[in-house]
């Protein structure tokens, strides 16, 4: 019996030109390259220039994804943008991207699940496509986290960077088997009891300000390894797969110690992990599509490969997806 799957037609990414190294940060706050690398694995990150908005980054990534897919912008029916750093409180940044691409039909909206945003956005678009409501979708993760950082707080300002990544999805009939091309399963979760472990201390209805990122690092780390491993096992079980079946693991790029710990916990080969953390930092909702695009462009990810993605973010939110490229 055939099954409608969301197949990845193409991907793209964009990074701002400005590079901020650990040594650059050490000149501003009490930290050092050795301290940052040891605790996070990050060596540098990108920072958006003045006038370079989240929509700017998202548009560039979307254009590259469309070109890679060999599709025109007007063939896209749905745009889901994952971001925690929109251009404005409203309207949605997705509609700004929609307008810039010249798309005047379908729907475009933002989705906010912080670092889990891309997984949540992918799950949302996948379900719209599987339901038959749309045939094509553009899923984007774009962030300018540099705009909500306290540059005197060394526990957070060393972690985050700016960037954007995107994928183009198309609904296609597949045989309904484990070797189908496309998204095989998505799994998303949240637990609001831990909202104050990773949050921004501002907002329209609370302070009337944008606010800055605040984090309880140890608590986030403790929950991350457990929650991520759980949702990965959930994805494998739902698809009848095991860890050894995975060709590439493309995780949210938050902390090298979390990624290594997750790989050990579920028995993943470390050589199968796509890691851009050292050069990009934590780009929140943009990190997975940025890493995906890099691994596709350099030839690691090939058509037919089984790819596992996962993320955890503020809320707490977490999720995973298993897809065949």
C-alpha atoms as a PDB file:
ATOM      1  CA  UNK A   1       0.000   0.000   0.000  1.00  0.00           C
ATOM      2  CA  UNK A   2       1.524   3.322  -1.046  1.00  0.00           C
ATOM      3  CA  UNK A   3       2.121   6.151   1.408  1.00  0.00           C
ATOM      4  CA  UNK A   4       2.511   9.889   0.949  1.00  0.00           C
ATOM      5  CA  UNK A   5       5.954  11.002   2.144  1.00  0.00           C
ATOM      6  CA  UNK A   6       7.608  14.402   2.388  1.00  0.00           C
ATOM      7  CA  UNK A   7      10.713  14.064   0.206  1.00  0.00           C
ATOM      8  CA  UNK A   8      13.622  16.507   0.496  1.00  0.00           C
ATOM      9  CA  UNK A   9      14.100  18.069  -2.935  1.00  0.00           C
ATOM     10  CA  UNK A  10      16.940  20.410  -1.975  1.00  0.00           C
ATOM     11  CA  UNK A  11      18.708  22.291   0.796  1.00  0.00           C
ATOM     12  CA  UNK A  12      20.566  25.552   1.269  1.00  0.00           C
ATOM     13  CA  UNK A  13      22.224  27.692   3.919  1.00  0.00           C
ATOM     14  CA  UNK A  14      23.654  31.127   4.561  1.00  0.00           C
ATOM     15  CA  UNK A  15      26.100  32.536   7.107  1.00  0.00           C
ATOM     16  CA  UNK A  16      26.958  36.207   7.768  1.00  0.00           C
ATOM     17  CA  UNK A  17      30.469  37.244   6.739  1.00  0.00           C
ATOM     18  CA  UNK A  18      31.633  38.504  10.137  1.00  0.00           C
ATOM     19  CA  UNK A  19      33.549  35.869  12.119  1.00  0.00           C
ATOM     20  CA  UNK A  20      33.787  36.223  15.903  1.00  0.00           C
ATOM     21  CA  UNK A  21      36.533  34.023  17.362  1.00  0.00           C
ATOM     22  CA  UNK A  22      37.049  32.897  20.934  1.00  0.00           C
ATOM     23  CA  UNK A  23      40.042  35.204  21.163  1.00  0.00           C
ATOM     24  CA  UNK A  24      37.812  38.103  20.096  1.00  0.00           C
ATOM     25  CA  UNK A  25      35.459  37.270  22.949  1.00  0.00           C
ATOM     26  CA  UNK A  26      38.342  36.912  25.399  1.00  0.00           C
ATOM     27  CA  UNK A  27      39.094  40.566  24.758  1.00  0.00           C
ATOM     28  CA  UNK A  28      35.568  41.486  25.929  1.00  0.00           C
ATOM     29  CA  UNK A  29      34.786  39.094  28.808  1.00  0.00           C
ATOM     30  CA  UNK A  30      36.690  36.962  31.305  1.00  0.00           C
ATOM     31  CA  UNK A  31      37.185  33.860  29.196  1.00  0.00           C
ATOM     32  CA  UNK A  32      39.728  32.204  26.916  1.00  0.00           C
ATOM     33  CA  UNK A  33      39.855  30.080  23.782  1.00  0.00           C
ATOM     34  CA  UNK A  34      40.957  27.063  25.847  1.00  0.00           C
ATOM     35  CA  UNK A  35      38.082  27.507  28.341  1.00  0.00           C
ATOM     36  CA  UNK A  36      35.434  27.743  25.604  1.00  0.00           C
ATOM     37  CA  UNK A  37      36.790  24.864  23.514  1.00  0.00           C
ATOM     38  CA  UNK A  38      37.111  22.547  26.514  1.00  0.00           C
ATOM     39  CA  UNK A  39      33.558  23.145  27.712  1.00  0.00           C
ATOM     40  CA  UNK A  40      31.704  23.513  24.412  1.00  0.00           C
ATOM     41  CA  UNK A  41      33.851  22.590  21.400  1.00  0.00           C
ATOM     42  CA  UNK A  42      33.174  26.020  19.842  1.00  0.00           C
ATOM     43  CA  UNK A  43      36.057  27.946  18.253  1.00  0.00           C
ATOM     44  CA  UNK A  44      34.233  30.662  16.312  1.00  0.00           C
ATOM     45  CA  UNK A  45      30.783  31.826  15.262  1.00  0.00           C
ATOM     46  CA  UNK A  46      29.213  34.232  12.735  1.00  0.00           C
ATOM     47  CA  UNK A  47      27.529  37.511  13.645  1.00  0.00           C
ATOM     48  CA  UNK A  48      25.007  39.359  11.489  1.00  0.00           C
ATOM     49  CA  UNK A  49      26.009  42.817  10.304  1.00  0.00           C
ATOM     50  CA  UNK A  50      24.029  45.969  11.015  1.00  0.00           C
ATOM     51  CA  UNK A  51      20.913  45.901   8.863  1.00  0.00           C
ATOM     52  CA  UNK A  52      21.236  42.151   8.276  1.00  0.00           C
ATOM     53  CA  UNK A  53      17.976  40.725   9.640  1.00  0.00           C
ATOM     54  CA  UNK A  54      16.743  37.229  10.364  1.00  0.00           C
ATOM     55  CA  UNK A  55      14.666  37.532   7.189  1.00  0.00           C
ATOM     56  CA  UNK A  56      17.803  38.505   5.237  1.00  0.00           C
ATOM     57  CA  UNK A  57      19.527  35.287   6.278  1.00  0.00           C
ATOM     58  CA  UNK A  58      16.376  33.227   5.716  1.00  0.00           C
ATOM     59  CA  UNK A  59      15.848  34.605   2.219  1.00  0.00           C
ATOM     60  CA  UNK A  60      19.396  33.759   1.162  1.00  0.00           C
ATOM     61  CA  UNK A  61      19.142  30.220   2.530  1.00  0.00           C
ATOM     62  CA  UNK A  62      15.747  29.727   0.868  1.00  0.00           C
ATOM     63  CA  UNK A  63      17.054  30.915  -2.506  1.00  0.00           C
ATOM     64  CA  UNK A  64      19.918  28.436  -2.318  1.00  0.00           C
ATOM     65  CA  UNK A  65      17.588  25.600  -1.317  1.00  0.00           C
ATOM     66  CA  UNK A  66      15.274  26.357  -4.246  1.00  0.00           C
ATOM     67  CA  UNK A  67      18.213  26.458  -6.657  1.00  0.00           C
ATOM     68  CA  UNK A  68      19.473  23.123  -5.313  1.00  0.00           C
ATOM     69  CA  UNK A  69      15.985  21.652  -5.713  1.00  0.00           C
ATOM     70  CA  UNK A  70      15.705  23.006  -9.259  1.00  0.00           C
ATOM     71  CA  UNK A  71      12.401  24.672  -8.373  1.00  0.00           C
ATOM     72  CA  UNK A  72      10.902  28.116  -8.862  1.00  0.00           C
ATOM     73  CA  UNK A  73       9.765  30.053  -5.813  1.00  0.00           C
ATOM     74  CA  UNK A  74       6.182  30.151  -7.102  1.00  0.00           C
ATOM     75  CA  UNK A  75       6.052  26.354  -6.861  1.00  0.00           C
ATOM     76  CA  UNK A  76       6.183  26.617  -3.056  1.00  0.00           C
ATOM     77  CA  UNK A  77       2.802  26.439  -1.322  1.00  0.00           C
ATOM     78  CA  UNK A  78       3.812  26.512   2.357  1.00  0.00           C
ATOM     79  CA  UNK A  79       6.586  28.276   4.278  1.00  0.00           C
ATOM     80  CA  UNK A  80       7.310  27.372   7.901  1.00  0.00           C
ATOM     81  CA  UNK A  81      10.045  29.447   9.522  1.00  0.00           C
ATOM     82  CA  UNK A  82      11.562  28.300  12.808  1.00  0.00           C
ATOM     83  CA  UNK A  83      13.001  31.269  14.691  1.00  0.00           C
ATOM     84  CA  UNK A  84      13.233  32.788  18.160  1.00  0.00           C
ATOM     85  CA  UNK A  85      14.625  36.055  16.788  1.00  0.00           C
ATOM     86  CA  UNK A  86      11.988  37.428  14.372  1.00  0.00           C
ATOM     87  CA  UNK A  87      12.429  40.737  12.586  1.00  0.00           C
ATOM     88  CA  UNK A  88       9.398  42.154  14.405  1.00  0.00           C
ATOM     89  CA  UNK A  89       6.905  41.047  17.026  1.00  0.00           C
ATOM     90  CA  UNK A  90       4.503  40.816  14.082  1.00  0.00           C
ATOM     91  CA  UNK A  91       3.872  40.209  11.261  1.00  0.00           C
ATOM     92  CA  UNK A  92       5.670  36.893  10.984  1.00  0.00           C
ATOM     93  CA  UNK A  93       9.145  36.911   9.483  1.00  0.00           C
ATOM     94  CA  UNK A  94       7.985  34.049   7.268  1.00  0.00           C
ATOM     95  CA  UNK A  95       5.680  36.461   5.438  1.00  0.00           C
ATOM     96  CA  UNK A  96       8.618  38.818   4.834  1.00  0.00           C
ATOM     97  CA  UNK A  97      10.518  35.915   3.287  1.00  0.00           C
ATOM     98  CA  UNK A  98       7.433  34.918   1.290  1.00  0.00           C
ATOM     99  CA  UNK A  99       7.125  38.439  -0.126  1.00  0.00           C
ATOM    100  CA  UNK A 100      10.834  38.681  -0.929  1.00  0.00           C
ATOM    101  CA  UNK A 101      10.633  35.410  -2.867  1.00  0.00           C
ATOM    102  CA  UNK A 102       7.663  36.754  -4.842  1.00  0.00           C
ATOM    103  CA  UNK A 103       5.205  34.157  -3.524  1.00  0.00           C
ATOM    104  CA  UNK A 104       1.622  35.444  -3.241  1.00  0.00           C
ATOM    105  CA  UNK A 105      -0.292  32.224  -2.568  1.00  0.00           C
ATOM    106  CA  UNK A 106      -0.399  29.491   0.072  1.00  0.00           C
ATOM    107  CA  UNK A 107       0.568  30.138   3.685  1.00  0.00           C
ATOM    108  CA  UNK A 108       3.615  31.361   5.593  1.00  0.00           C
ATOM    109  CA  UNK A 109       4.072  31.475   9.346  1.00  0.00           C
ATOM    110  CA  UNK A 110       6.687  31.441  12.112  1.00  0.00           C
ATOM    111  CA  UNK A 111       7.129  28.635  14.629  1.00  0.00           C
ATOM    112  CA  UNK A 112       8.925  29.152  17.935  1.00  0.00           C
ATOM    113  CA  UNK A 113      10.473  26.200  19.765  1.00  0.00           C
ATOM    114  CA  UNK A 114      13.946  27.726  20.269  1.00  0.00           C
ATOM    115  CA  UNK A 115      16.736  25.253  19.451  1.00  0.00           C
ATOM    116  CA  UNK A 116      14.201  22.518  18.645  1.00  0.00           C
ATOM    117  CA  UNK A 117      12.518  24.839  16.165  1.00  0.00           C
ATOM    118  CA  UNK A 118      13.684  23.199  12.960  1.00  0.00           C
ATOM    119  CA  UNK A 119      12.548  19.732  14.100  1.00  0.00           C
ATOM    120  CA  UNK A 120       9.155  21.175  15.102  1.00  0.00           C
ATOM    121  CA  UNK A 121       8.881  23.061  11.796  1.00  0.00           C
ATOM    122  CA  UNK A 122       9.816  19.949   9.813  1.00  0.00           C
ATOM    123  CA  UNK A 123       7.180  17.913  11.677  1.00  0.00           C
ATOM    124  CA  UNK A 124       4.574  20.615  11.039  1.00  0.00           C
ATOM    125  CA  UNK A 125       5.274  20.855   7.311  1.00  0.00           C
ATOM    126  CA  UNK A 126       5.446  17.070   7.009  1.00  0.00           C
ATOM    127  CA  UNK A 127       1.991  16.676   8.499  1.00  0.00           C
ATOM    128  CA  UNK A 128       0.502  19.338   6.203  1.00  0.00           C
ATOM    129  CA  UNK A 129       1.979  17.537   3.196  1.00  0.00           C
ATOM    130  CA  UNK A 130       0.944  14.061   4.332  1.00  0.00           C
ATOM    131  CA  UNK A 131      -2.598  15.344   4.910  1.00  0.00           C
ATOM    132  CA  UNK A 132      -2.700  16.493   1.296  1.00  0.00           C
ATOM    133  CA  UNK A 133      -3.332  20.152   2.157  1.00  0.00           C
ATOM    134  CA  UNK A 134      -0.156  21.266   0.355  1.00  0.00           C
ATOM    135  CA  UNK A 135       2.172  19.586  -2.128  1.00  0.00           C
ATOM    136  CA  UNK A 136       5.358  21.593  -1.519  1.00  0.00           C
ATOM    137  CA  UNK A 137       6.902  23.316   1.473  1.00  0.00           C
ATOM    138  CA  UNK A 138       9.906  25.428   2.354  1.00  0.00           C
ATOM    139  CA  UNK A 139      11.127  24.776   5.910  1.00  0.00           C
ATOM    140  CA  UNK A 140      13.604  27.340   7.223  1.00  0.00           C
ATOM    141  CA  UNK A 141      15.584  27.796  10.420  1.00  0.00           C
ATOM    142  CA  UNK A 142      16.983  31.316  10.756  1.00  0.00           C
ATOM    143  CA  UNK A 143      18.386  33.172  13.757  1.00  0.00           C
ATOM    144  CA  UNK A 144      20.173  36.363  14.772  1.00  0.00           C
ATOM    145  CA  UNK A 145      20.864  35.337  18.369  1.00  0.00           C
ATOM    146  CA  UNK A 146      23.609  37.963  18.603  1.00  0.00           C
ATOM    147  CA  UNK A 147      20.782  40.500  19.037  1.00  0.00           C
ATOM    148  CA  UNK A 148      19.519  38.927  22.282  1.00  0.00           C
ATOM    149  CA  UNK A 149      22.834  38.180  24.006  1.00  0.00           C
ATOM    150  CA  UNK A 150      24.239  39.855  27.095  1.00  0.00           C
ATOM    151  CA  UNK A 151      27.805  40.413  25.917  1.00  0.00           C
ATOM    152  CA  UNK A 152      28.974  40.658  29.534  1.00  0.00           C
ATOM    153  CA  UNK A 153      27.612  37.206  30.437  1.00  0.00           C
ATOM    154  CA  UNK A 154      30.358  34.727  29.539  1.00  0.00           C
ATOM    155  CA  UNK A 155      28.115  31.736  30.213  1.00  0.00           C
ATOM    156  CA  UNK A 156      25.886  32.590  27.232  1.00  0.00           C
ATOM    157  CA  UNK A 157      27.625  35.037  24.895  1.00  0.00           C
ATOM    158  CA  UNK A 158      30.301  32.480  23.964  1.00  0.00           C
ATOM    159  CA  UNK A 159      27.739  29.901  22.841  1.00  0.00           C
ATOM    160  CA  UNK A 160      25.555  31.401  20.142  1.00  0.00           C
ATOM    161  CA  UNK A 161      25.927  32.508  16.538  1.00  0.00           C
ATOM    162  CA  UNK A 162      23.823  33.698  13.611  1.00  0.00           C
ATOM    163  CA  UNK A 163      22.858  31.847  10.442  1.00  0.00           C
ATOM    164  CA  UNK A 164      20.106  30.217   8.401  1.00  0.00           C
ATOM    165  CA  UNK A 165      19.380  26.947   6.655  1.00  0.00           C
ATOM    166  CA  UNK A 166      16.457  25.634   4.611  1.00  0.00           C
ATOM    167  CA  UNK A 167      15.049  22.528   2.962  1.00  0.00           C
ATOM    168  CA  UNK A 168      12.476  22.141   0.193  1.00  0.00           C
ATOM    169  CA  UNK A 169       9.934  19.359   0.691  1.00  0.00           C
ATOM    170  CA  UNK A 170       7.628  17.779  -1.860  1.00  0.00           C
ATOM    171  CA  UNK A 171       4.826  15.277  -1.189  1.00  0.00           C
ATOM    172  CA  UNK A 172       5.382  12.077  -3.180  1.00  0.00           C
ATOM    173  CA  UNK A 173       3.769   8.664  -3.184  1.00  0.00           C
ATOM    174  CA  UNK A 174       6.136   5.997  -1.851  1.00  0.00           C
ATOM    175  CA  UNK A 175       5.757   2.212  -1.476  1.00  0.00           C
ATOM    176  CA  UNK A 176       5.181   2.563   2.270  1.00  0.00           C
ATOM    177  CA  UNK A 177       8.278   0.626   3.302  1.00  0.00           C
ATOM    178  CA  UNK A 178      11.342   1.274   5.475  1.00  0.00           C
ATOM    179  CA  UNK A 179      13.475   2.153   2.447  1.00  0.00           C
ATOM    180  CA  UNK A 180      11.034   4.853   1.273  1.00  0.00           C
ATOM    181  CA  UNK A 181      12.586   8.180   0.378  1.00  0.00           C
ATOM    182  CA  UNK A 182      11.536  11.115   2.542  1.00  0.00           C
ATOM    183  CA  UNK A 183      10.578  11.719   6.144  1.00  0.00           C
ATOM    184  CA  UNK A 184       9.883   8.386   7.836  1.00  0.00           C
ATOM    185  CA  UNK A 185       8.832   9.746  11.236  1.00  0.00           C
ATOM    186  CA  UNK A 186       8.865  12.857  13.426  1.00  0.00           C
ATOM    187  CA  UNK A 187       8.619  13.061  17.216  1.00  0.00           C
ATOM    188  CA  UNK A 188       8.242  16.278  19.215  1.00  0.00           C
ATOM    189  CA  UNK A 189       7.892  16.899  22.962  1.00  0.00           C
ATOM    190  CA  UNK A 190       7.822  19.707  25.505  1.00  0.00           C
ATOM    191  CA  UNK A 191       7.735  20.117  29.281  1.00  0.00           C
ATOM    192  CA  UNK A 192       7.041  23.664  30.445  1.00  0.00           C
ATOM    193  CA  UNK A 193       8.060  22.985  34.034  1.00  0.00           C
ATOM    194  CA  UNK A 194      11.631  23.792  33.011  1.00  0.00           C
ATOM    195  CA  UNK A 195      10.952  27.019  31.089  1.00  0.00           C
ATOM    196  CA  UNK A 196      13.170  29.069  33.432  1.00  0.00           C
ATOM    197  CA  UNK A 197      16.278  26.934  32.826  1.00  0.00           C
ATOM    198  CA  UNK A 198      16.800  28.457  29.376  1.00  0.00           C
ATOM    199  CA  UNK A 199      14.862  31.613  28.579  1.00  0.00           C
ATOM    200  CA  UNK A 200      14.969  35.262  27.531  1.00  0.00           C
ATOM    201  CA  UNK A 201      14.270  37.741  30.340  1.00  0.00           C
ATOM    202  CA  UNK A 202      12.009  39.993  28.287  1.00  0.00           C
ATOM    203  CA  UNK A 203       8.980  40.061  26.041  1.00  0.00           C
ATOM    204  CA  UNK A 204       6.071  42.220  24.802  1.00  0.00           C
ATOM    205  CA  UNK A 205       3.609  41.248  27.560  1.00  0.00           C
ATOM    206  CA  UNK A 206       6.079  40.997  30.465  1.00  0.00           C
ATOM    207  CA  UNK A 207       8.712  43.715  30.238  1.00  0.00           C
ATOM    208  CA  UNK A 208       7.982  45.419  26.929  1.00  0.00           C
ATOM    209  CA  UNK A 209      11.600  44.793  25.964  1.00  0.00           C
ATOM    210  CA  UNK A 210      13.419  42.179  23.897  1.00  0.00           C
ATOM    211  CA  UNK A 211      15.513  40.886  26.802  1.00  0.00           C
ATOM    212  CA  UNK A 212      18.614  38.673  26.842  1.00  0.00           C
ATOM    213  CA  UNK A 213      19.288  34.940  26.960  1.00  0.00           C
ATOM    214  CA  UNK A 214      19.652  33.400  30.441  1.00  0.00           C
ATOM    215  CA  UNK A 215      20.616  29.798  31.070  1.00  0.00           C
ATOM    216  CA  UNK A 216      21.234  27.290  33.839  1.00  0.00           C
ATOM    217  CA  UNK A 217      23.891  25.335  31.992  1.00  0.00           C
ATOM    218  CA  UNK A 218      24.155  22.317  34.272  1.00  0.00           C
ATOM    219  CA  UNK A 219      20.386  21.749  34.307  1.00  0.00           C
ATOM    220  CA  UNK A 220      20.158  22.026  30.525  1.00  0.00           C
ATOM    221  CA  UNK A 221      23.032  19.573  30.062  1.00  0.00           C
ATOM    222  CA  UNK A 222      21.535  17.081  32.520  1.00  0.00           C
ATOM    223  CA  UNK A 223      18.159  17.002  30.792  1.00  0.00           C
ATOM    224  CA  UNK A 224      19.563  17.195  27.265  1.00  0.00           C
ATOM    225  CA  UNK A 225      21.380  13.855  27.209  1.00  0.00           C
ATOM    226  CA  UNK A 226      18.390  11.989  28.656  1.00  0.00           C
ATOM    227  CA  UNK A 227      15.694  13.667  26.546  1.00  0.00           C
ATOM    228  CA  UNK A 228      17.655  13.494  23.312  1.00  0.00           C
ATOM    229  CA  UNK A 229      18.476   9.806  23.742  1.00  0.00           C
ATOM    230  CA  UNK A 230      14.813   9.077  24.492  1.00  0.00           C
ATOM    231  CA  UNK A 231      13.496  10.772  21.358  1.00  0.00           C
ATOM    232  CA  UNK A 232      16.181   9.150  19.190  1.00  0.00           C
ATOM    233  CA  UNK A 233      15.191   5.707  20.470  1.00  0.00           C
ATOM    234  CA  UNK A 234      11.575   6.670  19.790  1.00  0.00           C
ATOM    235  CA  UNK A 235      12.394   7.500  16.153  1.00  0.00           C
ATOM    236  CA  UNK A 236      14.310   4.261  15.635  1.00  0.00           C
ATOM    237  CA  UNK A 237      11.567   2.148  17.193  1.00  0.00           C
ATOM    238  CA  UNK A 238       8.835   3.826  15.117  1.00  0.00           C
ATOM    239  CA  UNK A 239      10.724   3.061  11.915  1.00  0.00           C
ATOM    240  CA  UNK A 240      11.913  -0.409  12.876  1.00  0.00           C
ATOM    241  CA  UNK A 241      15.549   0.695  12.687  1.00  0.00           C
ATOM    242  CA  UNK A 242      18.566   0.376  14.946  1.00  0.00           C
ATOM    243  CA  UNK A 243      21.466   2.756  15.550  1.00  0.00           C
ATOM    244  CA  UNK A 244      23.749   0.806  13.212  1.00  0.00           C
ATOM    245  CA  UNK A 245      21.333   1.504  10.327  1.00  0.00           C
ATOM    246  CA  UNK A 246      21.936   5.254  10.534  1.00  0.00           C
ATOM    247  CA  UNK A 247      24.231   6.624   7.846  1.00  0.00           C
ATOM    248  CA  UNK A 248      24.430  10.146   9.261  1.00  0.00           C
ATOM    249  CA  UNK A 249      23.486  11.737  12.565  1.00  0.00           C
ATOM    250  CA  UNK A 250      22.831  15.475  12.189  1.00  0.00           C
ATOM    251  CA  UNK A 251      22.122  16.842  15.680  1.00  0.00           C
ATOM    252  CA  UNK A 252      21.404  20.324  16.927  1.00  0.00           C
ATOM    253  CA  UNK A 253      24.818  21.906  17.396  1.00  0.00           C
ATOM    254  CA  UNK A 254      24.734  22.985  21.041  1.00  0.00           C
ATOM    255  CA  UNK A 255      27.666  21.454  22.889  1.00  0.00           C
ATOM    256  CA  UNK A 256      30.216  18.839  21.837  1.00  0.00           C
ATOM    257  CA  UNK A 257      29.996  17.082  25.191  1.00  0.00           C
ATOM    258  CA  UNK A 258      26.229  16.642  24.753  1.00  0.00           C
ATOM    259  CA  UNK A 259      26.698  15.257  21.241  1.00  0.00           C
ATOM    260  CA  UNK A 260      29.432  12.838  22.337  1.00  0.00           C
ATOM    261  CA  UNK A 261      27.390  11.728  25.338  1.00  0.00           C
ATOM    262  CA  UNK A 262      24.311  11.122  23.197  1.00  0.00           C
ATOM    263  CA  UNK A 263      26.277   9.079  20.665  1.00  0.00           C
ATOM    264  CA  UNK A 264      27.721   6.886  23.418  1.00  0.00           C
ATOM    265  CA  UNK A 265      24.350   6.441  25.108  1.00  0.00           C
ATOM    266  CA  UNK A 266      22.610   5.014  22.028  1.00  0.00           C
ATOM    267  CA  UNK A 267      25.634   3.330  20.445  1.00  0.00           C
ATOM    268  CA  UNK A 268      26.172   5.638  17.461  1.00  0.00           C
ATOM    269  CA  UNK A 269      29.486   5.647  15.599  1.00  0.00           C
ATOM    270  CA  UNK A 270      31.132   9.049  16.326  1.00  0.00           C
ATOM    271  CA  UNK A 271      32.383   9.157  12.723  1.00  0.00           C
ATOM    272  CA  UNK A 272      28.747   9.329  11.579  1.00  0.00           C
ATOM    273  CA  UNK A 273      28.092  12.636  13.385  1.00  0.00           C
ATOM    274  CA  UNK A 274      27.927  15.776  11.249  1.00  0.00           C
ATOM    275  CA  UNK A 275      29.415  18.550  13.375  1.00  0.00           C
ATOM    276  CA  UNK A 276      29.676  22.253  12.503  1.00  0.00           C
ATOM    277  CA  UNK A 277      29.609  23.489  16.099  1.00  0.00           C
ATOM    278  CA  UNK A 278      33.288  24.440  16.127  1.00  0.00           C
ATOM    279  CA  UNK A 279      32.801  26.970  13.298  1.00  0.00           C
ATOM    280  CA  UNK A 280      29.174  28.064  13.695  1.00  0.00           C
ATOM    281  CA  UNK A 281      28.516  27.932  17.431  1.00  0.00           C
ATOM    282  CA  UNK A 282      24.950  27.289  18.529  1.00  0.00           C
ATOM    283  CA  UNK A 283      22.723  28.830  15.849  1.00  0.00           C
ATOM    284  CA  UNK A 284      19.544  27.579  17.544  1.00  0.00           C
ATOM    285  CA  UNK A 285      16.849  26.676  14.967  1.00  0.00           C
ATOM    286  CA  UNK A 286      19.335  27.185  12.115  1.00  0.00           C
ATOM    287  CA  UNK A 287      21.907  24.649  13.311  1.00  0.00           C
ATOM    288  CA  UNK A 288      20.436  21.440  11.865  1.00  0.00           C
ATOM    289  CA  UNK A 289      19.726  22.763   8.349  1.00  0.00           C
ATOM    290  CA  UNK A 290      23.153  24.451   8.290  1.00  0.00           C
ATOM    291  CA  UNK A 291      24.830  21.145   9.125  1.00  0.00           C
ATOM    292  CA  UNK A 292      22.608  19.221   6.701  1.00  0.00           C
ATOM    293  CA  UNK A 293      23.489  21.543   3.858  1.00  0.00           C
ATOM    294  CA  UNK A 294      27.217  21.334   4.559  1.00  0.00           C
ATOM    295  CA  UNK A 295      27.148  17.520   4.606  1.00  0.00           C
ATOM    296  CA  UNK A 296      25.148  17.396   1.362  1.00  0.00           C
ATOM    297  CA  UNK A 297      27.393  19.919  -0.380  1.00  0.00           C
ATOM    298  CA  UNK A 298      30.629  18.155   0.578  1.00  0.00           C
ATOM    299  CA  UNK A 299      29.252  14.790  -0.535  1.00  0.00           C
ATOM    300  CA  UNK A 300      28.917  13.011   2.772  1.00  0.00           C
ATOM    301  CA  UNK A 301      25.133  12.713   2.613  1.00  0.00           C
ATOM    302  CA  UNK A 302      24.046  10.921  -0.566  1.00  0.00           C
ATOM    303  CA  UNK A 303      20.633  10.049  -1.962  1.00  0.00           C
ATOM    304  CA  UNK A 304      19.320   6.980  -0.179  1.00  0.00           C
ATOM    305  CA  UNK A 305      21.208   7.642   3.066  1.00  0.00           C
ATOM    306  CA  UNK A 306      19.327   7.280   6.339  1.00  0.00           C
ATOM    307  CA  UNK A 307      19.632  10.534   8.293  1.00  0.00           C
ATOM    308  CA  UNK A 308      18.705  11.084  11.927  1.00  0.00           C
ATOM    309  CA  UNK A 309      18.170  14.601  13.280  1.00  0.00           C
ATOM    310  CA  UNK A 310      17.452  15.698  16.852  1.00  0.00           C
ATOM    311  CA  UNK A 311      17.358  18.813  18.990  1.00  0.00           C
ATOM    312  CA  UNK A 312      16.567  20.141  22.438  1.00  0.00           C
ATOM    313  CA  UNK A 313      15.821  23.732  23.358  1.00  0.00           C
ATOM    314  CA  UNK A 314      14.254  26.104  25.824  1.00  0.00           C
ATOM    315  CA  UNK A 315      10.830  25.272  27.098  1.00  0.00           C
ATOM    316  CA  UNK A 316      12.068  22.545  27.450  1.00  0.00           C
ATOM    317  CA  UNK A 317      11.328  21.339  23.939  1.00  0.00           C
ATOM    318  CA  UNK A 318      12.930  18.390  22.184  1.00  0.00           C
ATOM    319  CA  UNK A 319      12.372  16.211  19.172  1.00  0.00           C
ATOM    320  CA  UNK A 320      13.757  13.938  16.478  1.00  0.00           C
ATOM    321  CA  UNK A 321      13.130  12.889  12.908  1.00  0.00           C
ATOM    322  CA  UNK A 322      14.315  10.016  10.765  1.00  0.00           C
ATOM    323  CA  UNK A 323      14.449  10.571   7.017  1.00  0.00           C
ATOM    324  CA  UNK A 324      15.865   8.947   3.949  1.00  0.00           C
ATOM    325  CA  UNK A 325      17.651  11.501   1.818  1.00  0.00           C
END
